[in-house]
N, C-alpha and C. Protein backbone atom coordinates (compact mmCIF):
# COMPACT_ATOMS: atom_id res chain seq x y z
N MET A 1 0.71 -1.21 -0.04
CA MET A 1 -0.01 -0.04 0.15
C MET A 1 0.78 1.27 -0.04
N LEU A 2 1.73 1.25 0.92
CA LEU A 2 2.67 2.30 1.00
C LEU A 2 3.65 2.52 -0.53
N ASP A 3 3.81 1.44 -1.12
CA ASP A 3 4.73 1.66 -2.40
C ASP A 3 3.70 2.03 -3.56
N SER A 4 2.41 1.90 -3.50
CA SER A 4 1.69 2.40 -4.33
C SER A 4 1.41 3.77 -4.26
N ILE A 5 1.22 4.40 -2.99
CA ILE A 5 1.27 5.84 -2.61
C ILE A 5 2.27 6.61 -3.18
N GLU A 6 3.49 6.01 -2.86
CA GLU A 6 4.79 6.61 -3.35
C GLU A 6 4.62 6.64 -4.67
N LEU A 7 4.39 5.68 -5.29
CA LEU A 7 4.59 5.48 -6.72
C LEU A 7 3.50 6.39 -7.43
N SER A 8 2.37 6.65 -6.88
CA SER A 8 1.25 7.68 -7.35
C SER A 8 1.94 9.10 -7.27
N VAL A 9 2.51 9.23 -6.01
CA VAL A 9 3.09 10.57 -5.76
C VAL A 9 4.21 11.01 -6.77
N ARG A 10 5.07 9.75 -7.35
CA ARG A 10 6.01 10.14 -8.22
C ARG A 10 5.45 10.52 -9.55
N LYS A 11 4.54 9.63 -9.92
CA LYS A 11 3.75 9.86 -11.16
C LYS A 11 3.26 11.29 -11.32
N VAL A 12 2.51 11.86 -10.13
CA VAL A 12 1.99 13.10 -10.22
C VAL A 12 3.12 14.11 -10.31
N SER A 13 4.11 13.88 -9.54
CA SER A 13 5.15 14.91 -9.74
C SER A 13 5.72 14.90 -11.20
N ALA A 14 5.94 13.76 -11.68
CA ALA A 14 6.49 13.80 -12.95
C ALA A 14 5.45 14.33 -14.17
N LEU A 15 4.13 14.21 -13.92
CA LEU A 15 3.16 14.56 -14.63
C LEU A 15 3.32 16.12 -14.51
N LYS A 16 3.52 16.71 -13.34
CA LYS A 16 3.44 18.27 -13.02
C LYS A 16 4.64 18.90 -13.64
N GLU A 17 5.74 18.23 -13.62
CA GLU A 17 7.00 18.62 -14.11
C GLU A 17 6.79 18.76 -15.56
N GLU A 18 6.35 17.57 -16.25
CA GLU A 18 5.99 17.58 -17.60
C GLU A 18 5.12 18.70 -18.24
N HIS A 19 4.17 18.74 -17.44
CA HIS A 19 3.10 19.79 -17.62
C HIS A 19 3.75 21.23 -17.71
N GLU A 20 4.54 21.63 -16.70
CA GLU A 20 5.27 22.93 -16.44
C GLU A 20 6.23 23.13 -17.73
N THR A 21 6.94 22.10 -18.21
CA THR A 21 7.71 22.08 -19.23
C THR A 21 6.98 22.40 -20.61
N TYR A 22 5.82 21.92 -20.66
CA TYR A 22 4.96 22.32 -21.73
C TYR A 22 4.34 23.59 -21.96
N VAL A 23 3.96 24.03 -20.81
CA VAL A 23 3.60 25.41 -20.52
C VAL A 23 4.82 26.42 -21.04
N GLU A 24 6.09 26.35 -20.28
CA GLU A 24 6.94 27.18 -20.80
C GLU A 24 7.24 27.06 -22.24
N ARG A 25 7.22 26.04 -22.93
CA ARG A 25 7.50 25.74 -24.23
C ARG A 25 6.35 26.53 -24.99
N VAL A 26 5.05 26.35 -24.61
CA VAL A 26 4.08 27.15 -25.27
C VAL A 26 4.30 28.70 -25.02
N GLU A 27 4.62 29.20 -23.74
CA GLU A 27 4.88 30.55 -23.55
C GLU A 27 6.03 31.14 -24.49
N GLU A 28 7.11 30.40 -24.70
CA GLU A 28 8.08 30.76 -25.36
C GLU A 28 7.78 30.97 -26.93
N TRP A 29 6.72 29.78 -27.45
CA TRP A 29 6.40 29.99 -28.76
C TRP A 29 5.48 31.05 -29.07
N GLU A 30 4.54 31.48 -27.96
CA GLU A 30 3.88 32.59 -28.22
C GLU A 30 4.49 33.84 -28.20
N ALA A 31 5.40 33.93 -27.33
CA ALA A 31 6.67 35.20 -27.19
C ALA A 31 7.38 35.36 -28.70
N GLN A 32 7.59 34.37 -29.34
CA GLN A 32 8.22 34.30 -30.50
C GLN A 32 7.51 34.70 -31.49
N ILE A 33 6.05 34.22 -31.70
CA ILE A 33 5.07 34.94 -32.61
C ILE A 33 4.85 36.54 -32.24
N ARG A 34 4.68 37.03 -31.15
CA ARG A 34 4.49 38.05 -30.83
C ARG A 34 5.91 39.11 -31.53
N GLU A 35 7.03 38.45 -31.19
CA GLU A 35 8.31 39.25 -31.64
C GLU A 35 8.11 39.38 -33.00
N ARG A 36 7.98 38.21 -33.80
CA ARG A 36 8.11 38.10 -34.97
C ARG A 36 6.88 39.20 -35.86
N GLU A 37 5.77 39.36 -35.22
CA GLU A 37 4.81 40.03 -35.37
C GLU A 37 5.19 41.64 -35.52
N VAL A 38 5.83 41.87 -34.27
CA VAL A 38 6.22 43.21 -34.02
C VAL A 38 7.36 43.77 -35.06
N ARG A 39 8.39 42.53 -35.29
CA ARG A 39 9.52 42.86 -36.44
C ARG A 39 8.66 43.15 -37.82
N GLU A 40 7.72 42.35 -38.27
CA GLU A 40 7.00 42.63 -39.55
C GLU A 40 6.49 43.90 -39.52
N LYS A 41 5.69 44.50 -38.25
CA LYS A 41 5.19 45.86 -38.37
C LYS A 41 6.23 46.76 -38.35
N ARG A 42 7.31 46.46 -37.87
CA ARG A 42 8.57 47.65 -37.94
C ARG A 42 8.89 47.54 -39.44
N ARG A 43 9.11 46.51 -39.97
CA ARG A 43 9.53 46.62 -41.32
C ARG A 43 8.71 47.28 -42.28
N ILE A 44 7.46 47.15 -41.99
CA ILE A 44 6.32 47.89 -42.86
C ILE A 44 6.25 49.29 -42.53
N ALA A 45 6.35 49.82 -41.38
CA ALA A 45 6.15 51.05 -40.92
C ALA A 45 7.38 51.28 -39.76
N PRO A 46 8.59 51.75 -40.32
CA PRO A 46 9.68 51.96 -39.40
C PRO A 46 9.50 53.17 -38.75
N GLY A 47 9.78 52.84 -37.46
CA GLY A 47 9.64 54.04 -36.31
C GLY A 47 8.23 54.26 -35.68
N TYR A 48 7.18 53.60 -36.38
CA TYR A 48 5.87 53.93 -35.85
C TYR A 48 5.55 53.40 -34.40
N LEU A 49 6.11 52.32 -34.21
CA LEU A 49 6.04 51.58 -33.03
C LEU A 49 7.12 51.96 -31.95
N ASP A 50 8.04 52.69 -32.27
CA ASP A 50 9.22 53.01 -31.46
C ASP A 50 8.80 54.40 -30.79
N THR A 51 8.14 55.34 -31.35
CA THR A 51 8.34 56.76 -31.16
C THR A 51 6.82 57.31 -31.21
N ASP A 52 6.62 58.32 -30.74
CA ASP A 52 5.19 59.06 -30.99
C ASP A 52 5.02 59.89 -32.23
N GLN A 53 6.44 60.01 -32.91
CA GLN A 53 6.41 60.81 -34.04
C GLN A 53 6.11 59.98 -35.26
N ARG A 54 5.10 60.54 -36.11
CA ARG A 54 4.91 59.72 -37.25
C ARG A 54 5.66 60.40 -38.54
N LEU A 55 6.03 59.46 -39.28
CA LEU A 55 6.92 59.90 -40.47
C LEU A 55 6.13 60.77 -41.39
N LEU A 56 4.85 60.29 -41.75
CA LEU A 56 4.12 61.24 -42.81
C LEU A 56 2.75 61.75 -42.01
N VAL A 57 2.38 63.15 -42.24
CA VAL A 57 1.41 63.51 -41.44
C VAL A 57 0.80 64.29 -42.52
N PRO A 58 -0.65 64.14 -43.06
CA PRO A 58 -1.22 64.83 -44.02
C PRO A 58 -1.88 65.93 -43.34
N THR A 59 -1.79 67.25 -44.01
CA THR A 59 -2.43 68.30 -43.46
C THR A 59 -3.08 68.87 -44.58
N ARG A 60 -4.39 69.53 -44.16
CA ARG A 60 -5.09 70.32 -45.23
C ARG A 60 -4.67 71.42 -45.44
N VAL A 61 -4.68 71.76 -47.01
CA VAL A 61 -4.22 73.04 -47.18
C VAL A 61 -5.51 73.94 -48.15
N ASP A 62 -5.75 75.03 -47.42
CA ASP A 62 -7.08 75.71 -47.88
C ASP A 62 -6.83 76.68 -48.97
N THR A 63 -5.57 76.42 -49.84
CA THR A 63 -5.23 77.61 -50.88
C THR A 63 -5.87 77.11 -52.20
N PRO A 64 -6.52 77.66 -52.93
CA PRO A 64 -7.28 77.11 -54.16
C PRO A 64 -6.16 76.85 -55.17
N VAL A 65 -6.30 76.06 -56.20
CA VAL A 65 -5.54 75.35 -57.08
C VAL A 65 -6.28 76.35 -58.31
N VAL A 66 -5.45 77.18 -58.94
CA VAL A 66 -5.99 77.57 -60.20
C VAL A 66 -5.06 77.35 -61.35
N SER A 67 -5.61 76.96 -62.45
CA SER A 67 -4.89 76.58 -63.64
C SER A 67 -5.33 77.24 -64.76
N SER A 68 -4.79 77.72 -65.74
CA SER A 68 -5.13 78.53 -66.75
C SER A 68 -6.07 77.75 -67.77
N ASN A 69 -5.74 76.50 -67.99
CA ASN A 69 -6.54 75.93 -69.01
C ASN A 69 -7.65 74.71 -68.43
N GLY A 70 -7.21 74.30 -67.35
CA GLY A 70 -8.16 73.34 -66.76
C GLY A 70 -8.68 73.58 -65.48
N ALA A 71 -9.10 74.64 -65.25
CA ALA A 71 -9.56 75.22 -63.86
C ALA A 71 -10.92 74.08 -63.52
N GLU A 72 -11.66 73.82 -64.29
CA GLU A 72 -12.72 73.26 -63.93
C GLU A 72 -12.52 71.75 -63.43
N ASP A 73 -11.55 71.25 -64.17
CA ASP A 73 -11.19 69.74 -63.91
C ASP A 73 -10.59 69.70 -62.43
N SER A 74 -9.81 70.58 -62.24
CA SER A 74 -8.73 70.85 -61.08
C SER A 74 -9.93 71.05 -59.82
N THR A 75 -10.92 72.02 -59.86
CA THR A 75 -11.75 72.00 -58.84
C THR A 75 -12.58 70.96 -58.37
N GLY A 76 -13.01 70.17 -59.50
CA GLY A 76 -13.70 68.85 -59.26
C GLY A 76 -12.80 67.80 -58.40
N MET A 77 -11.73 67.82 -58.77
CA MET A 77 -10.65 66.81 -58.24
C MET A 77 -10.51 67.29 -56.67
N ASP A 78 -10.36 68.84 -56.37
CA ASP A 78 -10.28 69.33 -55.20
C ASP A 78 -11.49 69.08 -54.27
N ARG A 79 -12.42 69.21 -54.98
CA ARG A 79 -13.89 68.69 -54.07
C ARG A 79 -13.79 67.52 -53.69
N THR A 80 -13.47 66.52 -54.55
CA THR A 80 -13.51 65.09 -54.51
C THR A 80 -12.42 64.72 -53.24
N PHE A 81 -11.06 65.30 -53.39
CA PHE A 81 -10.23 64.70 -52.71
C PHE A 81 -9.57 65.77 -51.53
N GLY A 82 -9.93 66.91 -51.76
CA GLY A 82 -9.37 68.11 -51.04
C GLY A 82 -7.94 68.44 -51.35
N ASN A 83 -7.48 69.58 -50.90
CA ASN A 83 -6.16 69.71 -51.20
C ASN A 83 -5.30 69.15 -49.99
N MET A 84 -4.62 68.32 -50.50
CA MET A 84 -3.50 67.51 -49.31
C MET A 84 -2.17 67.91 -49.60
N ARG A 85 -1.44 67.92 -48.64
CA ARG A 85 -0.03 68.03 -48.67
C ARG A 85 0.68 67.20 -47.60
N VAL A 86 1.73 66.42 -47.98
CA VAL A 86 2.51 65.78 -46.99
C VAL A 86 3.61 66.50 -46.69
N GLN A 87 3.83 66.70 -45.33
CA GLN A 87 4.88 67.17 -44.50
C GLN A 87 6.08 66.35 -44.17
């Protein structure tokens, strides 16, 4: 009887250690995935995640665009898209 209890305690301990090992492996795997995703985001938009500064900031410019031959066409485009400038 004592041997069977000791044996079951060993089994439980071994299962617990095995479980902890697998949990650590899963956590490492998830951390690698998060790290890979951040690297990909930094590759696509460098500087975006590291600082509060943004590389391109569109600002609205309210100056009218006047052309001598195509004033009507440019105003239609301005109404559609607005006057935008990248700083």
